[in-house]
Amino acid sequence: MTTGDKNIGQVLRGNIFILLATIFFGVNIPVVKFLIPEWMSSFDVTVFRLGGGCVLFWIASAFVHPDKIARADFPRILLGGGLGLFAFIFLFNLSLRYANPIDVSIIMTLPPVFVILINVVFRHARPSWGEIAGVLLAFAGAAAVIMAKHPEQRASDALLGNLLALASALCYAIYLVVLEGPTHKYRPISMLRWVFLAAFIPAVFLLKGLPEAAIFHGGATTGPWLMLAFVVLCPTFLAYLLVNPAIKLIGSELVSIYQYLVPVVAAIASVAMHLASLHAVQVLAMVVIIAGMVLTNAARRRRKVQS
């Protein structure tokens, strides 16, 4: 096999990895909406997702030779899991208790914008005017989603859910910033087993109401259980394992572009599952946010080339 064939193979594998992860992330949104609140509370889904992910990552680590985590990196890993990942998943599940799943999927494209803002505030980064314009455009699209009223939902519930989704996106950005260094130093399983363990510890306090979940008492068929198994296995375990190899094979910039497909996948799945209807304002907001992020990325690349 020639070097060119190897490069083509790597690019192909990298794109397949991130495409699968994107599909898992997108389908996860309406699937969680299906479970909440009819079969489980948002607390219950959080416990299952973090607990199941923790168990799967520790089991997987028994079949590989995990990297030894440096003692100096443990505070960041524990903070990223116990605060960033837990708060992200908890608020994400809580937002789906109230909000339209398509709205939530659109808002969840905002973490890169929050990463830029965090770097500006805490690392004194100096964004270009193009990056600032892209951020403002993305937030304008998010504002349109948050304030929009849909006939099938009560406005107060939708607004609360959208604000919770916005907070969830901020927490995920904090997770990315805190774990940026360790992510590049360790293999996914080596780090993520500790991240999910740290995230599951605060989730233990949500266990109290789990025995009362309707999925245990409501005569649930295999459908809800298969949905729950999907949430734990695919967007929690497999997707997190696929993202890092994809970054190494095709680069973080190309991987980040796939993020724009998450609301598209979520919208298709939500409509197919009869959980939501697609509205013109959602399509417009999706286009505006994607345009903002494309402008931001283009400005960032231009600044890197100039520097």
C-alpha atoms as a PDB file:
ATOM      1  CA  MET A   1       0.000   0.000   0.000  1.00  0.00           C
ATOM      2  CA  THR A   2       1.403   3.386  -0.984  1.00  0.00           C
ATOM      3  CA  THR A   3       1.658   6.418   1.264  1.00  0.00           C
ATOM      4  CA  GLY A   4      -1.160   8.053  -0.711  1.00  0.00           C
ATOM      5  CA  ASP A   5      -3.406   5.034  -0.155  1.00  0.00           C
ATOM      6  CA  LYS A   6      -2.639   5.143   3.567  1.00  0.00           C
ATOM      7  CA  ASN A   7      -3.523   8.848   3.709  1.00  0.00           C
ATOM      8  CA  ILE A   8      -6.772   8.255   1.830  1.00  0.00           C
ATOM      9  CA  GLY A   9      -7.571   5.371   4.176  1.00  0.00           C
ATOM     10  CA  GLN A  10      -6.887   7.536   7.233  1.00  0.00           C
ATOM     11  CA  VAL A  11      -9.071  10.361   5.938  1.00  0.00           C
ATOM     12  CA  LEU A  12     -11.854   7.913   5.126  1.00  0.00           C
ATOM     13  CA  ARG A  13     -11.681   6.275   8.567  1.00  0.00           C
ATOM     14  CA  GLY A  14     -11.577   9.656  10.297  1.00  0.00           C
ATOM     15  CA  ASN A  15     -14.671  10.861   8.431  1.00  0.00           C
ATOM     16  CA  ILE A  16     -16.533   7.616   9.146  1.00  0.00           C
ATOM     17  CA  PHE A  17     -15.671   7.850  12.850  1.00  0.00           C
ATOM     18  CA  ILE A  18     -16.908  11.414  13.267  1.00  0.00           C
ATOM     19  CA  LEU A  19     -19.970  10.834  11.051  1.00  0.00           C
ATOM     20  CA  LEU A  20     -21.034   7.926  13.287  1.00  0.00           C
ATOM     21  CA  ALA A  21     -20.447  10.037  16.414  1.00  0.00           C
ATOM     22  CA  THR A  22     -22.481  12.888  14.889  1.00  0.00           C
ATOM     23  CA  ILE A  23     -25.383  10.549  14.099  1.00  0.00           C
ATOM     24  CA  PHE A  24     -25.274   9.167  17.641  1.00  0.00           C
ATOM     25  CA  PHE A  25     -25.275  12.681  19.155  1.00  0.00           C
ATOM     26  CA  GLY A  26     -28.107  13.832  16.892  1.00  0.00           C
ATOM     27  CA  VAL A  27     -30.387  10.828  17.399  1.00  0.00           C
ATOM     28  CA  ASN A  28     -29.733  10.935  21.148  1.00  0.00           C
ATOM     29  CA  ILE A  29     -31.698  14.184  21.515  1.00  0.00           C
ATOM     30  CA  PRO A  30     -35.143  12.917  20.404  1.00  0.00           C
ATOM     31  CA  VAL A  31     -34.484   9.545  22.073  1.00  0.00           C
ATOM     32  CA  VAL A  32     -33.969  11.253  25.450  1.00  0.00           C
ATOM     33  CA  LYS A  33     -37.057  13.375  24.753  1.00  0.00           C
ATOM     34  CA  PHE A  34     -38.975  10.118  24.167  1.00  0.00           C
ATOM     35  CA  LEU A  35     -37.911   8.818  27.598  1.00  0.00           C
ATOM     36  CA  ILE A  36     -38.527  12.083  29.515  1.00  0.00           C
ATOM     37  CA  PRO A  37     -40.942  12.413  31.270  1.00  0.00           C
ATOM     38  CA  GLU A  38     -43.171   9.503  30.194  1.00  0.00           C
ATOM     39  CA  TRP A  39     -40.800   6.723  31.231  1.00  0.00           C
ATOM     40  CA  MET A  40     -38.113   8.391  33.318  1.00  0.00           C
ATOM     41  CA  SER A  41     -37.301  11.724  34.900  1.00  0.00           C
ATOM     42  CA  SER A  42     -34.361  13.810  33.735  1.00  0.00           C
ATOM     43  CA  PHE A  43     -32.617  12.797  36.988  1.00  0.00           C
ATOM     44  CA  ASP A  44     -33.059   9.096  36.157  1.00  0.00           C
ATOM     45  CA  VAL A  45     -31.646   9.434  32.640  1.00  0.00           C
ATOM     46  CA  THR A  46     -28.664  11.369  34.036  1.00  0.00           C
ATOM     47  CA  VAL A  47     -27.932   8.582  36.527  1.00  0.00           C
ATOM     48  CA  PHE A  48     -28.198   5.882  33.870  1.00  0.00           C
ATOM     49  CA  ARG A  49     -26.084   7.757  31.328  1.00  0.00           C
ATOM     50  CA  LEU A  50     -23.253   8.700  33.672  1.00  0.00           C
ATOM     51  CA  GLY A  51     -23.354   5.439  35.641  1.00  0.00           C
ATOM     52  CA  GLY A  52     -23.563   3.320  32.493  1.00  0.00           C
ATOM     53  CA  GLY A  53     -20.789   5.284  30.809  1.00  0.00           C
ATOM     54  CA  CYS A  54     -18.588   4.938  33.890  1.00  0.00           C
ATOM     55  CA  VAL A  55     -19.090   1.155  34.018  1.00  0.00           C
ATOM     56  CA  LEU A  56     -18.453   0.714  30.274  1.00  0.00           C
ATOM     57  CA  PHE A  57     -15.258   2.779  30.281  1.00  0.00           C
ATOM     58  CA  TRP A  58     -13.845   0.906  33.292  1.00  0.00           C
ATOM     59  CA  ILE A  59     -14.724  -2.461  31.720  1.00  0.00           C
ATOM     60  CA  ALA A  60     -13.108  -1.375  28.440  1.00  0.00           C
ATOM     61  CA  SER A  61      -9.966  -0.254  30.287  1.00  0.00           C
ATOM     62  CA  ALA A  62      -9.485  -3.863  31.485  1.00  0.00           C
ATOM     63  CA  PHE A  63      -8.895  -4.938  27.864  1.00  0.00           C
ATOM     64  CA  VAL A  64      -6.274  -2.309  27.001  1.00  0.00           C
ATOM     65  CA  HIS A  65      -3.122  -1.044  28.635  1.00  0.00           C
ATOM     66  CA  PRO A  66      -4.264   2.338  29.975  1.00  0.00           C
ATOM     67  CA  ASP A  67      -1.932   5.306  30.198  1.00  0.00           C
ATOM     68  CA  LYS A  68      -0.770   6.299  33.637  1.00  0.00           C
ATOM     69  CA  ILE A  69      -2.353   9.631  34.535  1.00  0.00           C
ATOM     70  CA  ALA A  70       0.105  12.153  35.951  1.00  0.00           C
ATOM     71  CA  ARG A  71      -0.779  13.303  39.449  1.00  0.00           C
ATOM     72  CA  ALA A  72      -0.710  16.933  38.301  1.00  0.00           C
ATOM     73  CA  ASP A  73      -3.466  16.210  35.738  1.00  0.00           C
ATOM     74  CA  PHE A  74      -5.912  14.594  38.165  1.00  0.00           C
ATOM     75  CA  PRO A  75      -7.355  17.895  39.511  1.00  0.00           C
ATOM     76  CA  ARG A  76      -8.280  18.996  35.968  1.00  0.00           C
ATOM     77  CA  ILE A  77      -9.704  15.593  35.074  1.00  0.00           C
ATOM     78  CA  LEU A  78     -11.780  15.412  38.251  1.00  0.00           C
ATOM     79  CA  LEU A  79     -12.949  19.024  37.849  1.00  0.00           C
ATOM     80  CA  GLY A  80     -13.824  18.471  34.188  1.00  0.00           C
ATOM     81  CA  GLY A  81     -15.868  15.385  35.051  1.00  0.00           C
ATOM     82  CA  GLY A  82     -17.365  16.346  38.400  1.00  0.00           C
ATOM     83  CA  LEU A  83     -18.356  19.824  37.298  1.00  0.00           C
ATOM     84  CA  GLY A  84     -18.233  20.138  33.507  1.00  0.00           C
ATOM     85  CA  LEU A  85     -19.517  16.758  32.301  1.00  0.00           C
ATOM     86  CA  PHE A  86     -22.017  16.227  35.123  1.00  0.00           C
ATOM     87  CA  ALA A  87     -23.526  19.710  34.771  1.00  0.00           C
ATOM     88  CA  PHE A  88     -23.598  19.419  30.970  1.00  0.00           C
ATOM     89  CA  ILE A  89     -25.508  16.108  30.917  1.00  0.00           C
ATOM     90  CA  PHE A  90     -27.742  16.992  33.882  1.00  0.00           C
ATOM     91  CA  LEU A  91     -28.828  20.334  32.388  1.00  0.00           C
ATOM     92  CA  PHE A  92     -29.130  18.810  28.909  1.00  0.00           C
ATOM     93  CA  ASN A  93     -31.548  16.132  30.160  1.00  0.00           C
ATOM     94  CA  LEU A  94     -33.429  18.708  32.231  1.00  0.00           C
ATOM     95  CA  SER A  95     -33.835  20.974  29.192  1.00  0.00           C
ATOM     96  CA  LEU A  96     -35.495  18.160  27.250  1.00  0.00           C
ATOM     97  CA  ARG A  97     -38.107  17.913  29.998  1.00  0.00           C
ATOM     98  CA  TYR A  98     -39.495  21.232  28.748  1.00  0.00           C
ATOM     99  CA  ALA A  99     -38.058  22.184  25.367  1.00  0.00           C
ATOM    100  CA  ASN A 100     -38.563  21.144  21.775  1.00  0.00           C
ATOM    101  CA  PRO A 101     -35.798  18.635  20.847  1.00  0.00           C
ATOM    102  CA  ILE A 102     -35.033  20.498  17.619  1.00  0.00           C
ATOM    103  CA  ASP A 103     -34.551  23.744  19.562  1.00  0.00           C
ATOM    104  CA  VAL A 104     -32.208  21.974  21.987  1.00  0.00           C
ATOM    105  CA  SER A 105     -30.159  20.496  19.133  1.00  0.00           C
ATOM    106  CA  ILE A 106     -29.711  23.941  17.565  1.00  0.00           C
ATOM    107  CA  ILE A 107     -28.641  25.532  20.850  1.00  0.00           C
ATOM    108  CA  MET A 108     -26.157  22.701  21.441  1.00  0.00           C
ATOM    109  CA  THR A 109     -24.089  23.900  18.460  1.00  0.00           C
ATOM    110  CA  LEU A 110     -22.924  26.843  20.621  1.00  0.00           C
ATOM    111  CA  PRO A 111     -20.089  25.311  22.743  1.00  0.00           C
ATOM    112  CA  PRO A 112     -17.356  26.486  20.290  1.00  0.00           C
ATOM    113  CA  VAL A 113     -18.695  30.031  20.689  1.00  0.00           C
ATOM    114  CA  PHE A 114     -18.518  29.739  24.476  1.00  0.00           C
ATOM    115  CA  VAL A 115     -14.978  28.322  24.213  1.00  0.00           C
ATOM    116  CA  ILE A 116     -13.936  31.485  22.368  1.00  0.00           C
ATOM    117  CA  LEU A 117     -15.574  33.681  25.022  1.00  0.00           C
ATOM    118  CA  ILE A 118     -13.958  31.709  27.875  1.00  0.00           C
ATOM    119  CA  ASN A 119     -10.550  32.133  26.252  1.00  0.00           C
ATOM    120  CA  VAL A 120     -11.176  35.866  25.862  1.00  0.00           C
ATOM    121  CA  VAL A 121     -12.243  36.342  29.507  1.00  0.00           C
ATOM    122  CA  PHE A 122      -9.843  33.998  31.304  1.00  0.00           C
ATOM    123  CA  ARG A 123      -6.915  33.637  28.908  1.00  0.00           C
ATOM    124  CA  HIS A 124      -7.008  37.188  27.544  1.00  0.00           C
ATOM    125  CA  ALA A 125      -7.171  35.980  23.950  1.00  0.00           C
ATOM    126  CA  ARG A 126      -7.695  38.687  21.339  1.00  0.00           C
ATOM    127  CA  PRO A 127     -10.279  37.626  18.754  1.00  0.00           C
ATOM    128  CA  SER A 128     -10.338  39.256  15.342  1.00  0.00           C
ATOM    129  CA  TRP A 129     -13.274  41.338  14.137  1.00  0.00           C
ATOM    130  CA  GLY A 130     -14.319  38.397  11.952  1.00  0.00           C
ATOM    131  CA  GLU A 131     -14.457  36.093  14.994  1.00  0.00           C
ATOM    132  CA  ILE A 132     -16.454  38.667  16.952  1.00  0.00           C
ATOM    133  CA  ALA A 133     -18.921  39.037  14.063  1.00  0.00           C
ATOM    134  CA  GLY A 134     -19.290  35.252  13.839  1.00  0.00           C
ATOM    135  CA  VAL A 135     -19.943  34.940  17.569  1.00  0.00           C
ATOM    136  CA  LEU A 136     -22.581  37.693  17.481  1.00  0.00           C
ATOM    137  CA  LEU A 137     -24.256  36.079  14.469  1.00  0.00           C
ATOM    138  CA  ALA A 138     -24.345  32.683  16.216  1.00  0.00           C
ATOM    139  CA  PHE A 139     -25.865  34.212  19.347  1.00  0.00           C
ATOM    140  CA  ALA A 140     -28.468  36.008  17.228  1.00  0.00           C
ATOM    141  CA  GLY A 141     -29.542  32.634  15.843  1.00  0.00           C
ATOM    142  CA  ALA A 142     -29.636  31.154  19.341  1.00  0.00           C
ATOM    143  CA  ALA A 143     -31.720  34.091  20.595  1.00  0.00           C
ATOM    144  CA  ALA A 144     -34.237  33.455  17.816  1.00  0.00           C
ATOM    145  CA  VAL A 145     -34.561  29.830  18.940  1.00  0.00           C
ATOM    146  CA  ILE A 146     -34.863  30.695  22.627  1.00  0.00           C
ATOM    147  CA  MET A 147     -37.535  33.333  22.137  1.00  0.00           C
ATOM    148  CA  ALA A 148     -39.564  31.489  19.478  1.00  0.00           C
ATOM    149  CA  LYS A 149     -43.006  30.190  20.430  1.00  0.00           C
ATOM    150  CA  HIS A 150     -44.318  26.973  18.920  1.00  0.00           C
ATOM    151  CA  PRO A 151     -48.036  26.137  18.834  1.00  0.00           C
ATOM    152  CA  GLU A 152     -47.546  22.698  20.372  1.00  0.00           C
ATOM    153  CA  GLN A 153     -45.715  23.997  23.461  1.00  0.00           C
ATOM    154  CA  ARG A 154     -46.396  26.380  26.311  1.00  0.00           C
ATOM    155  CA  ALA A 155     -44.098  29.373  25.902  1.00  0.00           C
ATOM    156  CA  SER A 156     -42.974  29.427  29.539  1.00  0.00           C
ATOM    157  CA  ASP A 157     -41.901  25.776  29.441  1.00  0.00           C
ATOM    158  CA  ALA A 158     -40.147  26.208  26.093  1.00  0.00           C
ATOM    159  CA  LEU A 159     -38.285  29.284  27.323  1.00  0.00           C
ATOM    160  CA  LEU A 160     -37.147  27.489  30.489  1.00  0.00           C
ATOM    161  CA  GLY A 161     -35.999  24.467  28.504  1.00  0.00           C
ATOM    162  CA  ASN A 162     -34.111  26.586  25.987  1.00  0.00           C
ATOM    163  CA  LEU A 163     -32.341  28.515  28.754  1.00  0.00           C
ATOM    164  CA  LEU A 164     -31.370  25.227  30.410  1.00  0.00           C
ATOM    165  CA  ALA A 165     -29.993  24.034  27.060  1.00  0.00           C
ATOM    166  CA  LEU A 166     -27.980  27.256  26.799  1.00  0.00           C
ATOM    167  CA  ALA A 167     -26.537  26.633  30.277  1.00  0.00           C
ATOM    168  CA  SER A 168     -25.761  23.050  29.257  1.00  0.00           C
ATOM    169  CA  ALA A 169     -23.848  24.273  26.199  1.00  0.00           C
ATOM    170  CA  LEU A 170     -21.819  26.596  28.446  1.00  0.00           C
ATOM    171  CA  CYS A 171     -20.976  23.708  30.802  1.00  0.00           C
ATOM    172  CA  TYR A 172     -19.825  21.580  27.875  1.00  0.00           C
ATOM    173  CA  ALA A 173     -17.561  24.422  26.743  1.00  0.00           C
ATOM    174  CA  ILE A 174     -16.081  24.555  30.269  1.00  0.00           C
ATOM    175  CA  TYR A 175     -15.556  20.778  30.062  1.00  0.00           C
ATOM    176  CA  LEU A 176     -13.667  21.187  26.768  1.00  0.00           C
ATOM    177  CA  VAL A 177     -11.469  24.002  28.069  1.00  0.00           C
ATOM    178  CA  VAL A 178     -10.620  22.301  31.378  1.00  0.00           C
ATOM    179  CA  LEU A 179      -9.716  18.989  29.707  1.00  0.00           C
ATOM    180  CA  GLU A 180      -7.994  20.419  26.639  1.00  0.00           C
ATOM    181  CA  GLY A 181      -4.491  19.545  27.901  1.00  0.00           C
ATOM    182  CA  PRO A 182      -5.180  15.989  29.196  1.00  0.00           C
ATOM    183  CA  THR A 183      -7.186  15.162  26.051  1.00  0.00           C
ATOM    184  CA  HIS A 184      -4.047  15.506  23.921  1.00  0.00           C
ATOM    185  CA  LYS A 185      -1.860  13.595  26.379  1.00  0.00           C
ATOM    186  CA  TYR A 186      -3.849  10.421  27.064  1.00  0.00           C
ATOM    187  CA  ARG A 187      -5.775   7.824  25.120  1.00  0.00           C
ATOM    188  CA  PRO A 188      -9.572   8.234  25.374  1.00  0.00           C
ATOM    189  CA  ILE A 189     -10.288   5.250  27.639  1.00  0.00           C
ATOM    190  CA  SER A 190      -7.411   6.127  29.987  1.00  0.00           C
ATOM    191  CA  MET A 191      -8.829   9.580  30.680  1.00  0.00           C
ATOM    192  CA  LEU A 192     -12.559   9.076  30.207  1.00  0.00           C
ATOM    193  CA  ARG A 193     -12.843   6.315  32.819  1.00  0.00           C
ATOM    194  CA  TRP A 194     -11.758   8.873  35.440  1.00  0.00           C
ATOM    195  CA  VAL A 195     -13.832  11.680  33.917  1.00  0.00           C
ATOM    196  CA  PHE A 196     -17.022   9.593  34.048  1.00  0.00           C
ATOM    197  CA  LEU A 197     -16.233   8.339  37.542  1.00  0.00           C
ATOM    198  CA  ALA A 198     -15.892  11.941  38.718  1.00  0.00           C
ATOM    199  CA  ALA A 199     -19.155  12.844  36.943  1.00  0.00           C
ATOM    200  CA  PHE A 200     -21.045   9.909  38.452  1.00  0.00           C
ATOM    201  CA  ILE A 201     -20.175  10.849  42.045  1.00  0.00           C
ATOM    202  CA  PRO A 202     -22.526  13.898  42.145  1.00  0.00           C
ATOM    203  CA  ALA A 203     -25.077  11.885  40.135  1.00  0.00           C
ATOM    204  CA  VAL A 204     -25.345   9.476  43.087  1.00  0.00           C
ATOM    205  CA  PHE A 205     -27.407  12.136  44.867  1.00  0.00           C
ATOM    206  CA  LEU A 206     -30.043  11.798  42.115  1.00  0.00           C
ATOM    207  CA  LEU A 207     -30.599   8.087  42.800  1.00  0.00           C
ATOM    208  CA  LYS A 208     -33.352   8.605  45.365  1.00  0.00           C
ATOM    209  CA  GLY A 209     -36.234   8.753  42.875  1.00  0.00           C
ATOM    210  CA  LEU A 210     -34.939   6.113  40.464  1.00  0.00           C
ATOM    211  CA  PRO A 211     -36.984   3.175  41.885  1.00  0.00           C
ATOM    212  CA  GLU A 212     -40.178   5.159  41.167  1.00  0.00           C
ATOM    213  CA  ALA A 213     -39.442   5.533  37.437  1.00  0.00           C
ATOM    214  CA  ALA A 214     -42.351   4.444  35.223  1.00  0.00           C
ATOM    215  CA  ILE A 215     -40.029   2.299  33.126  1.00  0.00           C
ATOM    216  CA  PHE A 216     -39.874  -0.105  36.090  1.00  0.00           C
ATOM    217  CA  HIS A 217     -43.601  -0.029  36.881  1.00  0.00           C
ATOM    218  CA  GLY A 218     -45.483   1.190  33.809  1.00  0.00           C
ATOM    219  CA  GLY A 219     -45.567  -2.029  31.839  1.00  0.00           C
ATOM    220  CA  ALA A 220     -42.791  -0.837  29.542  1.00  0.00           C
ATOM    221  CA  THR A 221     -42.237  -2.900  26.409  1.00  0.00           C
ATOM    222  CA  THR A 222     -38.790  -3.470  24.950  1.00  0.00           C
ATOM    223  CA  GLY A 223     -38.968  -0.064  23.190  1.00  0.00           C
ATOM    224  CA  PRO A 224     -38.111   2.197  26.157  1.00  0.00           C
ATOM    225  CA  TRP A 225     -35.413  -0.217  27.339  1.00  0.00           C
ATOM    226  CA  LEU A 226     -33.818  -0.279  23.878  1.00  0.00           C
ATOM    227  CA  MET A 227     -33.931   3.531  23.822  1.00  0.00           C
ATOM    228  CA  LEU A 228     -32.195   3.663  27.211  1.00  0.00           C
ATOM    229  CA  ALA A 229     -29.581   1.129  26.082  1.00  0.00           C
ATOM    230  CA  PHE A 230     -28.911   3.292  23.009  1.00  0.00           C
ATOM    231  CA  VAL A 231     -28.396   6.398  25.180  1.00  0.00           C
ATOM    232  CA  VAL A 232     -25.840   4.614  27.388  1.00  0.00           C
ATOM    233  CA  LEU A 233     -23.988   2.731  24.652  1.00  0.00           C
ATOM    234  CA  CYS A 234     -23.943   4.936  21.541  1.00  0.00           C
ATOM    235  CA  PRO A 235     -23.842   8.699  22.336  1.00  0.00           C
ATOM    236  CA  THR A 236     -22.201   8.135  25.737  1.00  0.00           C
ATOM    237  CA  PHE A 237     -19.634   5.361  25.260  1.00  0.00           C
ATOM    238  CA  LEU A 238     -19.007   4.833  21.534  1.00  0.00           C
ATOM    239  CA  ALA A 239     -19.304   8.458  20.407  1.00  0.00           C
ATOM    240  CA  TYR A 240     -16.801   9.695  23.002  1.00  0.00           C
ATOM    241  CA  LEU A 241     -14.381   6.962  21.879  1.00  0.00           C
ATOM    242  CA  LEU A 242     -14.786   7.879  18.206  1.00  0.00           C
ATOM    243  CA  VAL A 243     -14.175  11.636  18.478  1.00  0.00           C
ATOM    244  CA  ASN A 244     -10.523  11.518  19.598  1.00  0.00           C
ATOM    245  CA  PRO A 245      -9.306   9.119  16.847  1.00  0.00           C
ATOM    246  CA  ALA A 246     -11.201  11.242  14.315  1.00  0.00           C
ATOM    247  CA  ILE A 247      -9.360  14.373  15.495  1.00  0.00           C
ATOM    248  CA  LYS A 248      -6.010  12.599  15.131  1.00  0.00           C
ATOM    249  CA  LEU A 249      -6.870  11.299  11.646  1.00  0.00           C
ATOM    250  CA  ILE A 250      -8.480  14.350  10.012  1.00  0.00           C
ATOM    251  CA  GLY A 251      -7.842  17.261  12.405  1.00  0.00           C
ATOM    252  CA  SER A 252     -10.001  19.176  14.877  1.00  0.00           C
ATOM    253  CA  GLU A 253     -11.195  21.776  12.337  1.00  0.00           C
ATOM    254  CA  LEU A 254     -12.772  19.189  10.030  1.00  0.00           C
ATOM    255  CA  VAL A 255     -14.218  17.346  13.036  1.00  0.00           C
ATOM    256  CA  SER A 256     -15.806  20.576  14.274  1.00  0.00           C
ATOM    257  CA  ILE A 257     -17.589  21.041  10.929  1.00  0.00           C
ATOM    258  CA  TYR A 258     -19.521  17.814  11.507  1.00  0.00           C
ATOM    259  CA  GLN A 259     -20.997  19.414  14.621  1.00  0.00           C
ATOM    260  CA  TYR A 260     -23.227  21.470  12.324  1.00  0.00           C
ATOM    261  CA  LEU A 261     -24.929  18.249  11.200  1.00  0.00           C
ATOM    262  CA  VAL A 262     -26.149  17.423  14.737  1.00  0.00           C
ATOM    263  CA  PRO A 263     -29.302  19.601  14.528  1.00  0.00           C
ATOM    264  CA  VAL A 264     -29.993  18.259  11.021  1.00  0.00           C
ATOM    265  CA  VAL A 265     -29.839  14.658  12.276  1.00  0.00           C
ATOM    266  CA  ALA A 266     -31.850  15.576  15.395  1.00  0.00           C
ATOM    267  CA  ALA A 267     -34.519  17.339  13.325  1.00  0.00           C
ATOM    268  CA  ILE A 268     -34.926  14.376  10.965  1.00  0.00           C
ATOM    269  CA  ALA A 269     -35.090  11.911  13.872  1.00  0.00           C
ATOM    270  CA  SER A 270     -37.499  14.113  15.876  1.00  0.00           C
ATOM    271  CA  VAL A 271     -39.930  14.443  12.976  1.00  0.00           C
ATOM    272  CA  ALA A 272     -39.631  10.713  12.162  1.00  0.00           C
ATOM    273  CA  MET A 273     -40.422   9.854  15.804  1.00  0.00           C
ATOM    274  CA  HIS A 274     -43.371  12.335  15.805  1.00  0.00           C
ATOM    275  CA  LEU A 275     -41.845  14.218  18.735  1.00  0.00           C
ATOM    276  CA  ALA A 276     -41.669  17.642  17.093  1.00  0.00           C
ATOM    277  CA  SER A 277     -42.507  19.601  13.983  1.00  0.00           C
ATOM    278  CA  LEU A 278     -39.940  21.592  12.040  1.00  0.00           C
ATOM    279  CA  HIS A 279     -40.713  25.324  11.911  1.00  0.00           C
ATOM    280  CA  ALA A 280     -39.359  28.003   9.593  1.00  0.00           C
ATOM    281  CA  VAL A 281     -37.763  29.935  12.483  1.00  0.00           C
ATOM    282  CA  GLN A 282     -35.772  26.814  13.438  1.00  0.00           C
ATOM    283  CA  VAL A 283     -34.457  26.383   9.913  1.00  0.00           C
ATOM    284  CA  LEU A 284     -33.540  30.081   9.749  1.00  0.00           C
ATOM    285  CA  ALA A 285     -31.839  29.968  13.161  1.00  0.00           C
ATOM    286  CA  MET A 286     -29.915  26.843  12.142  1.00  0.00           C
ATOM    287  CA  VAL A 287     -28.640  28.598   9.015  1.00  0.00           C
ATOM    288  CA  VAL A 288     -27.702  31.753  10.966  1.00  0.00           C
ATOM    289  CA  ILE A 289     -25.800  29.827  13.660  1.00  0.00           C
ATOM    290  CA  ILE A 290     -23.941  27.721  11.100  1.00  0.00           C
ATOM    291  CA  ALA A 291     -23.076  30.871   9.118  1.00  0.00           C
ATOM    292  CA  GLY A 292     -21.772  32.468  12.313  1.00  0.00           C
ATOM    293  CA  MET A 293     -19.588  29.476  13.149  1.00  0.00           C
ATOM    294  CA  VAL A 294     -18.253  29.227   9.573  1.00  0.00           C
ATOM    295  CA  LEU A 295     -17.353  32.932   9.692  1.00  0.00           C
ATOM    296  CA  THR A 296     -15.672  32.447  13.082  1.00  0.00           C
ATOM    297  CA  ASN A 297     -13.628  29.448  11.903  1.00  0.00           C
ATOM    298  CA  ALA A 298     -12.590  31.237   8.703  1.00  0.00           C
ATOM    299  CA  ALA A 299     -11.468  34.286  10.683  1.00  0.00           C
ATOM    300  CA  ARG A 300      -9.562  32.081  13.125  1.00  0.00           C
ATOM    301  CA  ARG A 301      -7.723  30.256  10.313  1.00  0.00           C
ATOM    302  CA  ARG A 302      -6.872  33.575   8.660  1.00  0.00           C
ATOM    303  CA  ARG A 303      -5.453  34.915  11.937  1.00  0.00           C
ATOM    304  CA  LYS A 304      -3.328  31.764  12.409  1.00  0.00           C
ATOM    305  CA  VAL A 305      -1.925  32.058   8.886  1.00  0.00           C
ATOM    306  CA  GLN A 306      -1.083  35.726   9.395  1.00  0.00           C
ATOM    307  CA  SER A 307       0.625  35.035  12.720  1.00  0.00           C
END
